[in-house]
Amino acid sequence: MNYTVKLDKMYFRANHGLYDFEKEQGNDFYLNVEVKLILPSTHVFANIDHTTNYEIIAAVCKKHMAETYDLLEQVAHIIALDLFQVLPLAGIITVEITKSKPPIDLNCEGSVVRLELNRGEIGR
């Protein structure tokens, strides 16, 4: 049985980026995080310990979006690794980050980085 918990379009004002002006001025970011649990069909959802608590997902995201990283790929990877540490039932974690105004000479709604990480790819 696959079960998914997703926090969608979390908004952050953050200072991620390669350029000094991005770190100083900041930008608007939207973050989607999906946590997939791969469970036996006999699994019982009796209390919050038997599922994924989205408050924990939100806390991890807030922590890392408050830091400053050069690359969105870096942010996504660190968030996914941290989530595996605190969510023992998580099997696959997907982190998608949209930077609203990327510093490119093009009319564009945003640049997007999407990382999907399987627990088996990182070890237990």
PDB file of N, CA and C in Angstrom:
ATOM      1  N   MET A   1       0.864  -1.170   0.000  1.00  0.00           N
ATOM      2  CA  MET A   1       0.000   0.000   0.000  1.00  0.00           C
ATOM      3  C   MET A   1       0.907   1.229   0.000  1.00  0.00           C
ATOM      4  N   ASN A   2       0.611   2.181  -0.870  1.00  0.00           N
ATOM      5  CA  ASN A   2       1.318   3.452  -0.889  1.00  0.00           C
ATOM      6  C   ASN A   2       0.429   4.516  -0.259  1.00  0.00           C
ATOM      7  N   TYR A   3       1.017   5.325   0.578  1.00  0.00           N
ATOM      8  CA  TYR A   3       0.299   6.393   1.261  1.00  0.00           C
ATOM      9  C   TYR A   3       1.156   7.648   1.154  1.00  0.00           C
ATOM     10  N   THR A   4       0.567   8.771   0.805  1.00  0.00           N
ATOM     11  CA  THR A   4       1.335   9.989   0.576  1.00  0.00           C
ATOM     12  C   THR A   4       0.819  11.135   1.424  1.00  0.00           C
ATOM     13  N   VAL A   5       1.756  11.880   1.996  1.00  0.00           N
ATOM     14  CA  VAL A   5       1.463  13.136   2.677  1.00  0.00           C
ATOM     15  C   VAL A   5       2.212  14.208   1.908  1.00  0.00           C
ATOM     16  N   LYS A   6       1.520  15.319   1.589  1.00  0.00           N
ATOM     17  CA  LYS A   6       2.152  16.379   0.810  1.00  0.00           C
ATOM     18  C   LYS A   6       1.820  17.741   1.401  1.00  0.00           C
ATOM     19  N   LEU A   7       2.837  18.572   1.532  1.00  0.00           N
ATOM     20  CA  LEU A   7       2.630  19.985   1.833  1.00  0.00           C
ATOM     21  C   LEU A   7       2.899  20.724   0.539  1.00  0.00           C
ATOM     22  N   ASP A   8       1.928  21.523   0.124  1.00  0.00           N
ATOM     23  CA  ASP A   8       1.946  22.116  -1.208  1.00  0.00           C
ATOM     24  C   ASP A   8       2.040  23.633  -1.129  1.00  0.00           C
ATOM     25  N   LYS A   9       2.927  24.189  -1.924  1.00  0.00           N
ATOM     26  CA  LYS A   9       3.070  25.638  -2.109  1.00  0.00           C
ATOM     27  C   LYS A   9       3.348  26.376  -0.809  1.00  0.00           C
ATOM     28  N   MET A  10       4.252  25.834   0.003  1.00  0.00           N
ATOM     29  CA  MET A  10       4.699  26.560   1.193  1.00  0.00           C
ATOM     30  C   MET A  10       5.497  27.772   0.707  1.00  0.00           C
ATOM     31  N   TYR A  11       5.200  28.927   1.239  1.00  0.00           N
ATOM     32  CA  TYR A  11       5.871  30.154   0.814  1.00  0.00           C
ATOM     33  C   TYR A  11       6.994  30.515   1.783  1.00  0.00           C
ATOM     34  N   PHE A  12       8.139  30.893   1.208  1.00  0.00           N
ATOM     35  CA  PHE A  12       9.263  31.367   2.010  1.00  0.00           C
ATOM     36  C   PHE A  12       9.914  32.559   1.316  1.00  0.00           C
ATOM     37  N   ARG A  13      10.328  33.506   2.082  1.00  0.00           N
ATOM     38  CA  ARG A  13      11.234  34.542   1.597  1.00  0.00           C
ATOM     39  C   ARG A  13      12.609  34.082   2.085  1.00  0.00           C
ATOM     40  N   ALA A  14      13.523  33.845   1.143  1.00  0.00           N
ATOM     41  CA  ALA A  14      14.812  33.256   1.511  1.00  0.00           C
ATOM     42  C   ALA A  14      15.937  33.864   0.681  1.00  0.00           C
ATOM     43  N   ASN A  15      17.149  33.548   1.073  1.00  0.00           N
ATOM     44  CA  ASN A  15      18.337  34.151   0.482  1.00  0.00           C
ATOM     45  C   ASN A  15      19.219  33.136  -0.233  1.00  0.00           C
ATOM     46  N   HIS A  16      18.613  32.207  -0.936  1.00  0.00           N
ATOM     47  CA  HIS A  16      19.377  31.214  -1.688  1.00  0.00           C
ATOM     48  C   HIS A  16      19.757  31.781  -3.050  1.00  0.00           C
ATOM     49  N   GLY A  17      20.956  31.435  -3.511  1.00  0.00           N
ATOM     50  CA  GLY A  17      21.378  31.839  -4.843  1.00  0.00           C
ATOM     51  C   GLY A  17      22.879  31.941  -4.959  1.00  0.00           C
ATOM     52  N   LEU A  18      23.344  31.888  -6.172  1.00  0.00           N
ATOM     53  CA  LEU A  18      24.777  31.961  -6.452  1.00  0.00           C
ATOM     54  C   LEU A  18      25.342  33.371  -6.279  1.00  0.00           C
ATOM     55  N   TYR A  19      24.533  34.357  -6.578  1.00  0.00           N
ATOM     56  CA  TYR A  19      25.027  35.729  -6.637  1.00  0.00           C
ATOM     57  C   TYR A  19      24.839  36.456  -5.312  1.00  0.00           C
ATOM     58  N   ASP A  20      25.762  37.382  -5.024  1.00  0.00           N
ATOM     59  CA  ASP A  20      25.703  38.139  -3.776  1.00  0.00           C
ATOM     60  C   ASP A  20      24.380  38.889  -3.628  1.00  0.00           C
ATOM     61  N   PHE A  21      23.884  39.485  -4.728  1.00  0.00           N
ATOM     62  CA  PHE A  21      22.638  40.243  -4.620  1.00  0.00           C
ATOM     63  C   PHE A  21      21.464  39.337  -4.252  1.00  0.00           C
ATOM     64  N   GLU A  22      21.510  38.056  -4.645  1.00  0.00           N
ATOM     65  CA  GLU A  22      20.436  37.121  -4.264  1.00  0.00           C
ATOM     66  C   GLU A  22      20.496  36.847  -2.763  1.00  0.00           C
ATOM     67  N   LYS A  23      21.706  36.706  -2.253  1.00  0.00           N
ATOM     68  CA  LYS A  23      21.879  36.447  -0.819  1.00  0.00           C
ATOM     69  C   LYS A  23      21.492  37.665   0.021  1.00  0.00           C
ATOM     70  N   GLU A  24      21.716  38.859  -0.535  1.00  0.00           N
ATOM     71  CA  GLU A  24      21.418  40.089   0.195  1.00  0.00           C
ATOM     72  C   GLU A  24      19.935  40.477   0.094  1.00  0.00           C
ATOM     73  N   GLN A  25      19.390  40.436  -1.116  1.00  0.00           N
ATOM     74  CA  GLN A  25      18.014  40.891  -1.336  1.00  0.00           C
ATOM     75  C   GLN A  25      16.979  39.808  -1.073  1.00  0.00           C
ATOM     76  N   GLY A  26      17.349  38.559  -1.275  1.00  0.00           N
ATOM     77  CA  GLY A  26      16.402  37.471  -1.119  1.00  0.00           C
ATOM     78  C   GLY A  26      15.470  37.345  -2.313  1.00  0.00           C
ATOM     79  N   ASN A  27      14.599  36.365  -2.236  1.00  0.00           N
ATOM     80  CA  ASN A  27      13.665  36.082  -3.313  1.00  0.00           C
ATOM     81  C   ASN A  27      12.481  35.324  -2.723  1.00  0.00           C
ATOM     82  N   ASP A  28      11.438  35.185  -3.505  1.00  0.00           N
ATOM     83  CA  ASP A  28      10.274  34.407  -3.099  1.00  0.00           C
ATOM     84  C   ASP A  28      10.446  32.975  -3.601  1.00  0.00           C
ATOM     85  N   PHE A  29      10.200  32.032  -2.705  1.00  0.00           N
ATOM     86  CA  PHE A  29      10.319  30.614  -3.034  1.00  0.00           C
ATOM     87  C   PHE A  29       9.039  29.894  -2.633  1.00  0.00           C
ATOM     88  N   TYR A  30       8.692  28.895  -3.427  1.00  0.00           N
ATOM     89  CA  TYR A  30       7.564  28.017  -3.102  1.00  0.00           C
ATOM     90  C   TYR A  30       8.109  26.601  -3.034  1.00  0.00           C
ATOM     91  N   LEU A  31       7.691  25.900  -2.012  1.00  0.00           N
ATOM     92  CA  LEU A  31       8.242  24.578  -1.731  1.00  0.00           C
ATOM     93  C   LEU A  31       7.105  23.563  -1.633  1.00  0.00           C
ATOM     94  N   ASN A  32       7.237  22.477  -2.392  1.00  0.00           N
ATOM     95  CA  ASN A  32       6.324  21.337  -2.291  1.00  0.00           C
ATOM     96  C   ASN A  32       7.134  20.154  -1.780  1.00  0.00           C
ATOM     97  N   VAL A  33       6.602  19.470  -0.789  1.00  0.00           N
ATOM     98  CA  VAL A  33       7.265  18.280  -0.260  1.00  0.00           C
ATOM     99  C   VAL A  33       6.248  17.157  -0.194  1.00  0.00           C
ATOM    100  N   GLU A  34       6.612  16.038  -0.791  1.00  0.00           N
ATOM    101  CA  GLU A  34       5.758  14.855  -0.795  1.00  0.00           C
ATOM    102  C   GLU A  34       6.520  13.712  -0.146  1.00  0.00           C
ATOM    103  N   VAL A  35       5.876  13.069   0.817  1.00  0.00           N
ATOM    104  CA  VAL A  35       6.465  11.930   1.517  1.00  0.00           C
ATOM    105  C   VAL A  35       5.595  10.718   1.254  1.00  0.00           C
ATOM    106  N   LYS A  36       6.199   9.725   0.624  1.00  0.00           N
ATOM    107  CA  LYS A  36       5.459   8.506   0.310  1.00  0.00           C
ATOM    108  C   LYS A  36       5.882   7.400   1.275  1.00  0.00           C
ATOM    109  N   LEU A  37       4.880   6.813   1.910  1.00  0.00           N
ATOM    110  CA  LEU A  37       5.095   5.664   2.772  1.00  0.00           C
ATOM    111  C   LEU A  37       4.721   4.421   1.980  1.00  0.00           C
ATOM    112  N   ILE A  38       5.570   3.437   2.006  1.00  0.00           N
ATOM    113  CA  ILE A  38       5.277   2.162   1.341  1.00  0.00           C
ATOM    114  C   ILE A  38       5.080   1.156   2.464  1.00  0.00           C
ATOM    115  N   LEU A  39       3.819   0.812   2.685  1.00  0.00           N
ATOM    116  CA  LEU A  39       3.430   0.040   3.859  1.00  0.00           C
ATOM    117  C   LEU A  39       2.740  -1.257   3.465  1.00  0.00           C
ATOM    118  N   PRO A  40       2.783  -2.254   4.353  1.00  0.00           N
ATOM    119  CA  PRO A  40       2.009  -3.469   4.084  1.00  0.00           C
ATOM    120  C   PRO A  40       0.514  -3.153   4.129  1.00  0.00           C
ATOM    121  N   SER A  41      -0.269  -3.898   3.396  1.00  0.00           N
ATOM    122  CA  SER A  41      -1.717  -3.644   3.340  1.00  0.00           C
ATOM    123  C   SER A  41      -2.383  -3.848   4.697  1.00  0.00           C
ATOM    124  N   THR A  42      -1.719  -4.504   5.622  1.00  0.00           N
ATOM    125  CA  THR A  42      -2.263  -4.735   6.955  1.00  0.00           C
ATOM    126  C   THR A  42      -1.973  -3.579   7.918  1.00  0.00           C
ATOM    127  N   HIS A  43      -1.240  -2.570   7.451  1.00  0.00           N
ATOM    128  CA  HIS A  43      -0.880  -1.432   8.306  1.00  0.00           C
ATOM    129  C   HIS A  43      -2.149  -0.744   8.810  1.00  0.00           C
ATOM    130  N   VAL A  44      -2.157  -0.381  10.091  1.00  0.00           N
ATOM    131  CA  VAL A  44      -3.294   0.282  10.715  1.00  0.00           C
ATOM    132  C   VAL A  44      -2.895   1.707  11.082  1.00  0.00           C
ATOM    133  N   PHE A  45      -3.716   2.674  10.703  1.00  0.00           N
ATOM    134  CA  PHE A  45      -3.481   4.074  11.040  1.00  0.00           C
ATOM    135  C   PHE A  45      -4.250   4.402  12.311  1.00  0.00           C
ATOM    136  N   ALA A  46      -3.716   3.998  13.459  1.00  0.00           N
ATOM    137  CA  ALA A  46      -4.426   4.181  14.723  1.00  0.00           C
ATOM    138  C   ALA A  46      -4.108   5.523  15.381  1.00  0.00           C
ATOM    139  N   ASN A  47      -2.905   6.055  15.138  1.00  0.00           N
ATOM    140  CA  ASN A  47      -2.542   7.352  15.708  1.00  0.00           C
ATOM    141  C   ASN A  47      -1.452   7.996  14.863  1.00  0.00           C
ATOM    142  N   ILE A  48      -1.044   9.185  15.248  1.00  0.00           N
ATOM    143  CA  ILE A  48      -0.094   9.960  14.434  1.00  0.00           C
ATOM    144  C   ILE A  48       1.248   9.246  14.269  1.00  0.00           C
ATOM    145  N   ASP A  49       1.624   8.382  15.197  1.00  0.00           N
ATOM    146  CA  ASP A  49       2.881   7.641  15.086  1.00  0.00           C
ATOM    147  C   ASP A  49       2.850   6.607  13.956  1.00  0.00           C
ATOM    148  N   HIS A  50       1.669   6.306  13.443  1.00  0.00           N
ATOM    149  CA  HIS A  50       1.522   5.321  12.372  1.00  0.00           C
ATOM    150  C   HIS A  50       1.475   5.963  10.987  1.00  0.00           C
ATOM    151  N   THR A  51       1.723   7.260  10.932  1.00  0.00           N
ATOM    152  CA  THR A  51       1.686   7.975   9.663  1.00  0.00           C
ATOM    153  C   THR A  51       2.802   9.009   9.645  1.00  0.00           C
ATOM    154  N   THR A  52       2.683  10.002   8.782  1.00  0.00           N
ATOM    155  CA  THR A  52       3.670  11.070   8.695  1.00  0.00           C
ATOM    156  C   THR A  52       3.036  12.366   9.173  1.00  0.00           C
ATOM    157  N   ASN A  53       3.645  12.971  10.176  1.00  0.00           N
ATOM    158  CA  ASN A  53       3.141  14.203  10.757  1.00  0.00           C
ATOM    159  C   ASN A  53       3.628  15.387   9.916  1.00  0.00           C
ATOM    160  N   TYR A  54       2.715  16.101   9.279  1.00  0.00           N
ATOM    161  CA  TYR A  54       3.127  17.193   8.404  1.00  0.00           C
ATOM    162  C   TYR A  54       3.714  18.370   9.164  1.00  0.00           C
ATOM    163  N   GLU A  55       3.488  18.451  10.486  1.00  0.00           N
ATOM    164  CA  GLU A  55       4.136  19.497  11.283  1.00  0.00           C
ATOM    165  C   GLU A  55       5.651  19.293  11.315  1.00  0.00           C
ATOM    166  N   ILE A  56       6.076  18.037  11.306  1.00  0.00           N
ATOM    167  CA  ILE A  56       7.510  17.733  11.270  1.00  0.00           C
ATOM    168  C   ILE A  56       8.090  18.133   9.920  1.00  0.00           C
ATOM    169  N   ILE A  57       7.360  17.850   8.850  1.00  0.00           N
ATOM    170  CA  ILE A  57       7.808  18.247   7.505  1.00  0.00           C
ATOM    171  C   ILE A  57       7.974  19.765   7.452  1.00  0.00           C
ATOM    172  N   ALA A  58       6.995  20.491   7.951  1.00  0.00           N
ATOM    173  CA  ALA A  58       7.036  21.957   7.931  1.00  0.00           C
ATOM    174  C   ALA A  58       8.222  22.492   8.724  1.00  0.00           C
ATOM    175  N   ALA A  59       8.500  21.907   9.884  1.00  0.00           N
ATOM    176  CA  ALA A  59       9.611  22.373  10.720  1.00  0.00           C
ATOM    177  C   ALA A  59      10.957  22.184  10.025  1.00  0.00           C
ATOM    178  N   VAL A  60      11.147  21.047   9.358  1.00  0.00           N
ATOM    179  CA  VAL A  60      12.394  20.800   8.633  1.00  0.00           C
ATOM    180  C   VAL A  60      12.541  21.800   7.481  1.00  0.00           C
ATOM    181  N   CYS A  61      11.458  22.039   6.770  1.00  0.00           N
ATOM    182  CA  CYS A  61      11.506  22.993   5.653  1.00  0.00           C
ATOM    183  C   CYS A  61      11.835  24.397   6.148  1.00  0.00           C
ATOM    184  N   LYS A  62      11.188  24.842   7.214  1.00  0.00           N
ATOM    185  CA  LYS A  62      11.460  26.166   7.775  1.00  0.00           C
ATOM    186  C   LYS A  62      12.923  26.310   8.168  1.00  0.00           C
ATOM    187  N   LYS A  63      13.454  25.284   8.800  1.00  0.00           N
ATOM    188  CA  LYS A  63      14.850  25.303   9.257  1.00  0.00           C
ATOM    189  C   LYS A  63      15.799  25.565   8.087  1.00  0.00           C
ATOM    190  N   HIS A  64      15.641  24.840   7.008  1.00  0.00           N
ATOM    191  CA  HIS A  64      16.585  24.953   5.902  1.00  0.00           C
ATOM    192  C   HIS A  64      16.306  26.142   4.986  1.00  0.00           C
ATOM    193  N   MET A  65      15.075  26.567   4.894  1.00  0.00           N
ATOM    194  CA  MET A  65      14.786  27.750   4.086  1.00  0.00           C
ATOM    195  C   MET A  65      15.278  29.013   4.796  1.00  0.00           C
ATOM    196  N   ALA A  66      15.493  28.957   6.093  1.00  0.00           N
ATOM    197  CA  ALA A  66      16.034  30.091   6.845  1.00  0.00           C
ATOM    198  C   ALA A  66      17.549  30.214   6.685  1.00  0.00           C
ATOM    199  N   GLU A  67      18.190  29.158   6.226  1.00  0.00           N
ATOM    200  CA  GLU A  67      19.631  29.185   5.971  1.00  0.00           C
ATOM    201  C   GLU A  67      19.875  29.812   4.599  1.00  0.00           C
ATOM    202  N   THR A  68      21.148  29.926   4.214  1.00  0.00           N
ATOM    203  CA  THR A  68      21.506  30.438   2.895  1.00  0.00           C
ATOM    204  C   THR A  68      22.345  29.394   2.178  1.00  0.00           C
ATOM    205  N   TYR A  69      21.892  28.978   1.016  1.00  0.00           N
ATOM    206  CA  TYR A  69      22.596  27.996   0.189  1.00  0.00           C
ATOM    207  C   TYR A  69      22.789  28.581  -1.210  1.00  0.00           C
ATOM    208  N   ASP A  70      23.851  28.163  -1.871  1.00  0.00           N
ATOM    209  CA  ASP A  70      24.109  28.618  -3.238  1.00  0.00           C
ATOM    210  C   ASP A  70      23.138  28.010  -4.241  1.00  0.00           C
ATOM    211  N   LEU A  71      22.829  26.725  -4.074  1.00  0.00           N
ATOM    212  CA  LEU A  71      22.062  25.980  -5.073  1.00  0.00           C
ATOM    213  C   LEU A  71      20.751  25.446  -4.505  1.00  0.00           C
ATOM    214  N   LEU A  72      19.689  25.538  -5.301  1.00  0.00           N
ATOM    215  CA  LEU A  72      18.414  24.953  -4.887  1.00  0.00           C
ATOM    216  C   LEU A  72      18.527  23.439  -4.792  1.00  0.00           C
ATOM    217  N   GLU A  73      19.366  22.836  -5.627  1.00  0.00           N
ATOM    218  CA  GLU A  73      19.588  21.385  -5.559  1.00  0.00           C
ATOM    219  C   GLU A  73      20.119  20.997  -4.185  1.00  0.00           C
ATOM    220  N   GLN A  74      20.980  21.841  -3.643  1.00  0.00           N
ATOM    221  CA  GLN A  74      21.564  21.625  -2.320  1.00  0.00           C
ATOM    222  C   GLN A  74      20.471  21.680  -1.249  1.00  0.00           C
ATOM    223  N   VAL A  75      19.621  22.672  -1.319  1.00  0.00           N
ATOM    224  CA  VAL A  75      18.529  22.826  -0.351  1.00  0.00           C
ATOM    225  C   VAL A  75      17.604  21.611  -0.400  1.00  0.00           C
ATOM    226  N   ALA A  76      17.208  21.218  -1.604  1.00  0.00           N
ATOM    227  CA  ALA A  76      16.292  20.084  -1.767  1.00  0.00           C
ATOM    228  C   ALA A  76      16.900  18.802  -1.196  1.00  0.00           C
ATOM    229  N   HIS A  77      18.163  18.567  -1.468  1.00  0.00           N
ATOM    230  CA  HIS A  77      18.829  17.347  -1.003  1.00  0.00           C
ATOM    231  C   HIS A  77      18.939  17.322   0.518  1.00  0.00           C
ATOM    232  N   ILE A  78      19.315  18.435   1.117  1.00  0.00           N
ATOM    233  CA  ILE A  78      19.447  18.501   2.573  1.00  0.00           C
ATOM    234  C   ILE A  78      18.092  18.322   3.248  1.00  0.00           C
ATOM    235  N   ILE A  79      17.059  18.938   2.702  1.00  0.00           N
ATOM    236  CA  ILE A  79      15.715  18.765   3.267  1.00  0.00           C
ATOM    237  C   ILE A  79      15.309  17.294   3.213  1.00  0.00           C
ATOM    238  N   ALA A  80      15.503  16.650   2.058  1.00  0.00           N
ATOM    239  CA  ALA A  80      15.122  15.232   1.923  1.00  0.00           C
ATOM    240  C   ALA A  80      15.898  14.366   2.911  1.00  0.00           C
ATOM    241  N   LEU A  81      17.197  14.570   3.031  1.00  0.00           N
ATOM    242  CA  LEU A  81      18.006  13.766   3.964  1.00  0.00           C
ATOM    243  C   LEU A  81      17.551  13.970   5.405  1.00  0.00           C
ATOM    244  N   ASP A  82      17.271  15.213   5.784  1.00  0.00           N
ATOM    245  CA  ASP A  82      16.779  15.483   7.141  1.00  0.00           C
ATOM    246  C   ASP A  82      15.433  14.814   7.393  1.00  0.00           C
ATOM    247  N   LEU A  83      14.560  14.847   6.394  1.00  0.00           N
ATOM    248  CA  LEU A  83      13.248  14.226   6.564  1.00  0.00           C
ATOM    249  C   LEU A  83      13.359  12.719   6.765  1.00  0.00           C
ATOM    250  N   PHE A  84      14.276  12.076   6.062  1.00  0.00           N
ATOM    251  CA  PHE A  84      14.469  10.638   6.290  1.00  0.00           C
ATOM    252  C   PHE A  84      14.913  10.361   7.723  1.00  0.00           C
ATOM    253  N   GLN A  85      15.672  11.272   8.309  1.00  0.00           N
ATOM    254  CA  GLN A  85      16.136  11.093   9.692  1.00  0.00           C
ATOM    255  C   GLN A  85      14.991  11.138  10.700  1.00  0.00           C
ATOM    256  N   VAL A  86      13.993  11.991  10.441  1.00  0.00           N
ATOM    257  CA  VAL A  86      12.929  12.201  11.430  1.00  0.00           C
ATOM    258  C   VAL A  86      11.610  11.505  11.084  1.00  0.00           C
ATOM    259  N   LEU A  87      11.537  10.911   9.882  1.00  0.00           N
ATOM    260  CA  LEU A  87      10.316  10.212   9.461  1.00  0.00           C
ATOM    261  C   LEU A  87      10.654   8.761   9.136  1.00  0.00           C
ATOM    262  N   PRO A  88      10.637   7.891  10.125  1.00  0.00           N
ATOM    263  CA  PRO A  88      11.085   6.512   9.915  1.00  0.00           C
ATOM    264  C   PRO A  88      10.239   5.696   8.937  1.00  0.00           C
ATOM    265  N   LEU A  89       9.006   6.085   8.687  1.00  0.00           N
ATOM    266  CA  LEU A  89       8.152   5.344   7.764  1.00  0.00           C
ATOM    267  C   LEU A  89       8.287   5.808   6.316  1.00  0.00           C
ATOM    268  N   ALA A  90       9.012   6.905   6.098  1.00  0.00           N
ATOM    269  CA  ALA A  90       9.139   7.460   4.746  1.00  0.00           C
ATOM    270  C   ALA A  90       9.934   6.524   3.847  1.00  0.00           C
ATOM    271  N   GLY A  91       9.408   6.280   2.653  1.00  0.00           N
ATOM    272  CA  GLY A  91      10.097   5.450   1.672  1.00  0.00           C
ATOM    273  C   GLY A  91      10.674   6.261   0.532  1.00  0.00           C
ATOM    274  N   ILE A  92       9.893   7.242   0.055  1.00  0.00           N
ATOM    275  CA  ILE A  92      10.323   8.119  -1.034  1.00  0.00           C
ATOM    276  C   ILE A  92       9.944   9.552  -0.656  1.00  0.00           C
ATOM    277  N   ILE A  93      10.884  10.461  -0.827  1.00  0.00           N
ATOM    278  CA  ILE A  93      10.630  11.870  -0.537  1.00  0.00           C
ATOM    279  C   ILE A  93      10.914  12.681  -1.797  1.00  0.00           C
ATOM    280  N   THR A  94       9.960  13.536  -2.144  1.00  0.00           N
ATOM    281  CA  THR A  94      10.121  14.426  -3.286  1.00  0.00           C
ATOM    282  C   THR A  94      10.083  15.864  -2.771  1.00  0.00           C
ATOM    283  N   VAL A  95      11.090  16.633  -3.158  1.00  0.00           N
ATOM    284  CA  VAL A  95      11.168  18.046  -2.780  1.00  0.00           C
ATOM    285  C   VAL A  95      11.233  18.855  -4.066  1.00  0.00           C
ATOM    286  N   GLU A  96      10.332  19.810  -4.198  1.00  0.00           N
ATOM    287  CA  GLU A  96      10.299  20.679  -5.375  1.00  0.00           C
ATOM    288  C   GLU A  96      10.343  22.126  -4.898  1.00  0.00           C
ATOM    289  N   ILE A  97      11.328  22.869  -5.400  1.00  0.00           N
ATOM    290  CA  ILE A  97      11.505  24.265  -5.002  1.00  0.00           C
ATOM    291  C   ILE A  97      11.392  25.143  -6.244  1.00  0.00           C
ATOM    292  N   THR A  98      10.551  26.170  -6.154  1.00  0.00           N
ATOM    293  CA  THR A  98      10.414  27.146  -7.226  1.00  0.00           C
ATOM    294  C   THR A  98      10.964  28.484  -6.749  1.00  0.00           C
ATOM    295  N   LYS A  99      11.901  29.042  -7.515  1.00  0.00           N
ATOM    296  CA  LYS A  99      12.406  30.397  -7.273  1.00  0.00           C
ATOM    297  C   LYS A  99      11.594  31.318  -8.164  1.00  0.00           C
ATOM    298  N   SER A 100      10.860  32.260  -7.552  1.00  0.00           N
ATOM    299  CA  SER A 100       9.907  33.080  -8.299  1.00  0.00           C
ATOM    300  C   SER A 100      10.536  33.955  -9.368  1.00  0.00           C
ATOM    301  N   LYS A 101      11.620  34.582  -9.065  1.00  0.00           N
ATOM    302  CA  LYS A 101      12.225  35.517 -10.028  1.00  0.00           C
ATOM    303  C   LYS A 101      13.686  35.139 -10.245  1.00  0.00           C
ATOM    304  N   PRO A 102      13.953  34.140 -11.065  1.00  0.00           N
ATOM    305  CA  PRO A 102      15.351  33.758 -11.283  1.00  0.00           C
ATOM    306  C   PRO A 102      16.100  34.878 -12.017  1.00  0.00           C
ATOM    307  N   PRO A 103      17.378  35.054 -11.709  1.00  0.00           N
ATOM    308  CA  PRO A 103      18.146  36.145 -12.321  1.00  0.00           C
ATOM    309  C   PRO A 103      18.590  35.806 -13.742  1.00  0.00           C
ATOM    310  N   ILE A 104      17.610  35.738 -14.640  1.00  0.00           N
ATOM    311  CA  ILE A 104      17.903  35.475 -16.049  1.00  0.00           C
ATOM    312  C   ILE A 104      17.196  36.521 -16.895  1.00  0.00           C
ATOM    313  N   ASP A 105      17.712  36.750 -18.064  1.00  0.00           N
ATOM    314  CA  ASP A 105      17.128  37.744 -18.962  1.00  0.00           C
ATOM    315  C   ASP A 105      16.041  37.088 -19.807  1.00  0.00           C
ATOM    316  N   LEU A 106      14.898  36.831 -19.158  1.00  0.00           N
ATOM    317  CA  LEU A 106      13.797  36.136 -19.801  1.00  0.00           C
ATOM    318  C   LEU A 106      12.550  36.332 -18.950  1.00  0.00           C
ATOM    319  N   ASN A 107      11.412  36.517 -19.572  1.00  0.00           N
ATOM    320  CA  ASN A 107      10.155  36.593 -18.844  1.00  0.00           C
ATOM    321  C   ASN A 107       9.773  35.171 -18.454  1.00  0.00           C
ATOM    322  N   CYS A 108       9.859  34.878 -17.174  1.00  0.00           N
ATOM    323  CA  CYS A 108       9.706  33.503 -16.685  1.00  0.00           C
ATOM    324  C   CYS A 108       9.044  33.548 -15.317  1.00  0.00           C
ATOM    325  N   GLU A 109       8.074  32.678 -15.074  1.00  0.00           N
ATOM    326  CA  GLU A 109       7.382  32.652 -13.778  1.00  0.00           C
ATOM    327  C   GLU A 109       8.242  32.083 -12.664  1.00  0.00           C
ATOM    328  N   GLY A 110       9.229  31.284 -13.006  1.00  0.00           N
ATOM    329  CA  GLY A 110      10.087  30.743 -11.972  1.00  0.00           C
ATOM    330  C   GLY A 110      10.976  29.638 -12.493  1.00  0.00           C
ATOM    331  N   SER A 111      12.032  29.389 -11.740  1.00  0.00           N
ATOM    332  CA  SER A 111      12.880  28.235 -12.035  1.00  0.00           C
ATOM    333  C   SER A 111      12.569  27.171 -10.987  1.00  0.00           C
ATOM    334  N   VAL A 112      12.574  25.921 -11.409  1.00  0.00           N
ATOM    335  CA  VAL A 112      12.145  24.825 -10.537  1.00  0.00           C
ATOM    336  C   VAL A 112      13.218  23.747 -10.473  1.00  0.00           C
ATOM    337  N   VAL A 113      13.463  23.287  -9.251  1.00  0.00           N
ATOM    338  CA  VAL A 113      14.313  22.129  -9.013  1.00  0.00           C
ATOM    339  C   VAL A 113      13.444  21.087  -8.333  1.00  0.00           C
ATOM    340  N   ARG A 114      13.500  19.857  -8.823  1.00  0.00           N
ATOM    341  CA  ARG A 114      12.692  18.773  -8.249  1.00  0.00           C
ATOM    342  C   ARG A 114      13.608  17.587  -7.993  1.00  0.00           C
ATOM    343  N   LEU A 115      13.626  17.130  -6.753  1.00  0.00           N
ATOM    344  CA  LEU A 115      14.450  15.992  -6.340  1.00  0.00           C
ATOM    345  C   LEU A 115      13.552  14.900  -5.788  1.00  0.00           C
ATOM    346  N   GLU A 116      13.748  13.686  -6.272  1.00  0.00           N
ATOM    347  CA  GLU A 116      13.050  12.529  -5.715  1.00  0.00           C
ATOM    348  C   GLU A 116      14.112  11.588  -5.184  1.00  0.00           C
ATOM    349  N   LEU A 117      14.013  11.240  -3.909  1.00  0.00           N
ATOM    350  CA  LEU A 117      15.015  10.404  -3.265  1.00  0.00           C
ATOM    351  C   LEU A 117      14.351   9.229  -2.580  1.00  0.00           C
ATOM    352  N   ASN A 118      14.867   8.050  -2.853  1.00  0.00           N
ATOM    353  CA  ASN A 118      14.374   6.810  -2.274  1.00  0.00           C
ATOM    354  C   ASN A 118      15.244   6.460  -1.089  1.00  0.00           C
ATOM    355  N   ARG A 119      14.642   6.024   0.006  1.00  0.00           N
ATOM    356  CA  ARG A 119      15.422   5.673   1.211  1.00  0.00           C
ATOM    357  C   ARG A 119      16.507   4.662   0.889  1.00  0.00           C
ATOM    358  N   GLY A 120      16.232   3.738  -0.016  1.00  0.00           N
ATOM    359  CA  GLY A 120      17.224   2.732  -0.372  1.00  0.00           C
ATOM    360  C   GLY A 120      18.455   3.311  -1.031  1.00  0.00           C
ATOM    361  N   GLU A 121      18.353   4.509  -1.570  1.00  0.00           N
ATOM    362  CA  GLU A 121      19.493   5.171  -2.210  1.00  0.00           C
ATOM    363  C   GLU A 121      20.463   5.798  -1.207  1.00  0.00           C
ATOM    364  N   ILE A 122      20.013   5.959   0.044  1.00  0.00           N
ATOM    365  CA  ILE A 122      20.873   6.597   1.053  1.00  0.00           C
ATOM    366  C   ILE A 122      21.313   5.648   2.146  1.00  0.00           C
ATOM    367  N   GLY A 123      20.775   4.449   2.171  1.00  0.00           N
ATOM    368  CA  GLY A 123      21.064   3.527   3.266  1.00  0.00           C
ATOM    369  C   GLY A 123      20.162   3.814   4.444  1.00  0.00           C
ATOM    370  N   ARG A 124      20.206   2.979   5.423  1.00  0.00           N
ATOM    371  CA  ARG A 124      19.289   3.153   6.575  1.00  0.00           C
ATOM    372  C   ARG A 124      20.011   3.584   7.803  1.00  0.00           C
TER     373      ARG A 124
END
